[in-house]
Structure formats: C-alpha cells, structure tokens
Amino acid sequence: METETLDTEATLEQGPPAPEKRPAGPPPLFNRSAIRRQALKVSIEARNGKFKRVSQEFIDNVIASIESQFRKLDFTVTSAIGQVDPGQGVEFLTGEGKRKLAKQFNIWIAREIHRQSNNVRVGQTL
C-alpha cells in the first residue's frame, strides 16, 4: 500500500505527459487536411459525391505538382552582365502584393486538385 502512494506522488510531481514532438526538420509546407477537404468538396460539387475518401497517393500527387511549380520559380538566371540577383534585403512585393500572390497560388492549387480528381474514374477513393 505504501508503494502505491509513493508511485502516485511521483506521478503527480512529474505532471501530465509531454505532448509528442514533431520529427526534427523543416516545418511542413502543405496543409494535407485542407487538400483532403478540397478534394472531397470537388467530389460533391463536380462528381456528384462519387468519392468518399482521399488516398495518401492523391495528396502526394497534388503536393508533387505544387513542388513542381515551386521548382519552376526557383532558378538562377544569368544575363550578359552576370547573375541576376536582387541582393540582400531587397523585396519587390509589398504585403498586399504577397497576399495577392498567395491568394492566386491557392486558387491554382484548388484547380490542380480539381484537375487531378477528374483523372480518377473508378472506385470511391480519390
């Protein structure tokens, strides 16, 4: 009986268990649950609710398309006078310009989800 009391006291001193930590590395770039929700929304609106689930493969394909767009924008240009580089701390977009760019890119992602959902023809899983 005495050992039970000691174990309980030790547990109380430690406090609640620590939340699980995300694996080390860069923070995620993509909201997978938002991609899943959009795909199911497209299924309801454009495909008459044919698909009830979204596979991990579908999400991975959408993310691969997004990353492909990132790679298209991330390249070095060399001109006759040398490498084109804006320099440290130079930003051409204002806060409003960044918001507009983010909005347009989100619309492109939604179109990509729609396009990829139209490629699936059989089953109930996108």
Protein backbone atom coordinates (compact mmCIF):
# COMPACT_ATOMS: atom_id res chain seq x y z
CA MET A 1 0.00 0.00 0.00
CA GLU A 2 2.84 2.35 0.84
CA THR A 3 4.46 1.83 -2.57
CA GLU A 4 1.22 2.78 -4.32
CA THR A 5 1.22 6.11 -2.51
CA LEU A 6 4.80 6.76 -3.47
CA ASP A 7 4.12 5.89 -7.12
CA THR A 8 1.12 8.22 -7.19
CA GLU A 9 3.10 11.05 -5.62
CA ALA A 10 5.90 10.57 -8.13
CA THR A 11 3.40 10.70 -10.99
CA LEU A 12 1.84 13.89 -9.64
CA GLU A 13 5.23 15.54 -9.34
CA GLN A 14 6.05 14.75 -12.98
CA GLY A 15 2.86 16.33 -14.25
CA PRO A 16 0.96 15.33 -17.37
CA PRO A 17 2.82 13.50 -20.14
CA ALA A 18 4.63 15.77 -22.57
CA PRO A 19 2.93 16.20 -25.95
CA GLU A 20 4.52 14.29 -28.79
CA LYS A 21 7.10 16.34 -30.63
CA ARG A 22 7.14 16.63 -34.39
CA PRO A 23 10.14 15.00 -36.03
CA ALA A 24 13.10 17.31 -36.48
CA GLY A 25 13.39 19.03 -39.80
CA PRO A 26 11.82 21.90 -41.67
CA PRO A 27 8.20 22.77 -40.89
CA PRO A 28 5.64 21.31 -43.28
CA LEU A 29 4.79 23.47 -46.28
CA PHE A 30 1.40 21.96 -47.07
CA ASN A 31 -1.87 21.60 -45.20
CA ARG A 32 -2.76 17.99 -46.04
CA SER A 33 -6.15 18.14 -44.32
CA ALA A 34 -7.12 21.20 -46.41
CA ILE A 35 -6.12 19.31 -49.58
CA ARG A 36 -8.25 16.36 -48.44
CA ARG A 37 -11.25 18.62 -47.65
CA GLN A 38 -10.99 20.39 -51.02
CA ALA A 39 -10.82 17.04 -52.85
CA LEU A 40 -13.97 15.83 -51.09
CA LYS A 41 -15.68 19.16 -51.84
CA VAL A 42 -14.81 18.74 -55.52
CA SER A 43 -16.21 15.21 -55.37
CA ILE A 44 -19.51 16.50 -54.01
CA GLU A 45 -19.82 19.51 -56.32
CA ALA A 46 -18.37 18.25 -59.60
CA ARG A 47 -18.57 14.47 -59.41
CA ASN A 48 -21.94 14.08 -57.67
CA GLY A 49 -20.36 12.80 -54.45
CA LYS A 50 -18.80 9.78 -56.15
CA PHE A 51 -15.71 9.72 -53.95
CA LYS A 52 -15.96 9.25 -50.19
CA ARG A 53 -12.27 9.01 -49.32
CA VAL A 54 -9.00 10.62 -50.37
CA SER A 55 -5.92 8.42 -50.63
CA GLN A 56 -2.47 9.37 -49.45
CA GLU A 57 -1.31 8.85 -53.04
CA PHE A 58 -3.74 11.53 -54.28
CA ILE A 59 -2.47 14.01 -51.67
CA ASP A 60 1.14 13.14 -52.53
CA ASN A 61 0.43 13.74 -56.24
CA VAL A 62 -1.09 17.17 -55.52
CA ILE A 63 1.90 18.07 -53.34
CA ALA A 64 4.28 16.89 -56.08
CA SER A 65 2.52 19.24 -58.53
CA ILE A 66 2.83 22.14 -56.10
CA GLU A 67 6.51 21.41 -55.52
CA SER A 68 6.99 21.28 -59.29
CA GLN A 69 5.61 24.82 -59.53
CA PHE A 70 7.99 25.90 -56.77
CA ARG A 71 10.93 24.43 -58.70
CA LYS A 72 9.86 26.29 -61.85
CA LEU A 73 10.06 29.56 -59.92
CA ASP A 74 13.32 28.72 -58.14
CA PHE A 75 16.06 29.02 -60.73
CA THR A 76 19.11 31.18 -61.30
CA VAL A 77 19.17 33.49 -64.29
CA THR A 78 22.39 34.70 -65.83
CA SER A 79 22.35 37.66 -68.17
CA ALA A 80 25.06 39.29 -70.27
CA ILE A 81 26.10 41.34 -67.24
CA GLY A 82 26.18 38.42 -64.80
CA GLN A 83 23.87 36.58 -62.43
CA VAL A 84 20.52 38.28 -61.84
CA ASP A 85 20.16 38.67 -58.08
CA PRO A 86 18.11 41.32 -56.27
CA GLY A 87 20.60 41.47 -53.40
CA GLN A 88 20.21 41.14 -49.67
CA GLY A 89 17.03 42.51 -48.15
CA VAL A 90 15.51 43.68 -51.44
CA GLU A 91 11.83 42.79 -51.73
CA PHE A 92 9.79 43.80 -54.74
CA LEU A 93 6.39 42.81 -53.36
CA THR A 94 4.61 44.74 -50.66
CA GLY A 95 2.48 42.99 -48.06
CA GLU A 96 -0.55 43.44 -50.31
CA GLY A 97 1.37 42.02 -53.27
CA LYS A 98 2.37 38.97 -51.21
CA ARG A 99 -1.24 38.43 -50.11
CA LYS A 100 -2.42 38.64 -53.72
CA LEU A 101 0.27 36.20 -54.85
CA ALA A 102 -0.65 33.76 -52.06
CA LYS A 103 -4.35 34.05 -53.00
CA GLN A 104 -3.63 33.33 -56.68
CA PHE A 105 -1.40 30.38 -55.79
CA ASN A 106 -4.16 28.95 -53.56
CA ILE A 107 -6.56 29.23 -56.50
CA TRP A 108 -4.03 27.39 -58.67
CA ILE A 109 -3.78 24.63 -56.03
CA ALA A 110 -7.60 24.32 -55.94
CA ARG A 111 -7.62 24.00 -59.75
CA GLU A 112 -4.90 21.34 -59.54
CA ILE A 113 -6.95 19.34 -57.01
CA HIS A 114 -9.96 19.62 -59.33
CA ARG A 115 -7.89 18.55 -62.34
CA GLN A 116 -6.46 15.53 -60.55
CA SER A 117 -9.84 14.46 -59.18
CA ASN A 118 -11.15 14.37 -62.75
CA ASN A 119 -8.41 11.86 -63.63
CA VAL A 120 -9.83 9.25 -61.21
CA ARG A 121 -12.56 7.18 -62.86
CA VAL A 122 -13.24 4.10 -60.71
CA GLY A 123 -13.84 3.29 -57.05
CA GLN A 124 -14.79 5.52 -54.15
CA THR A 125 -11.32 6.74 -53.24
CA LEU A 126 -9.59 9.61 -54.93
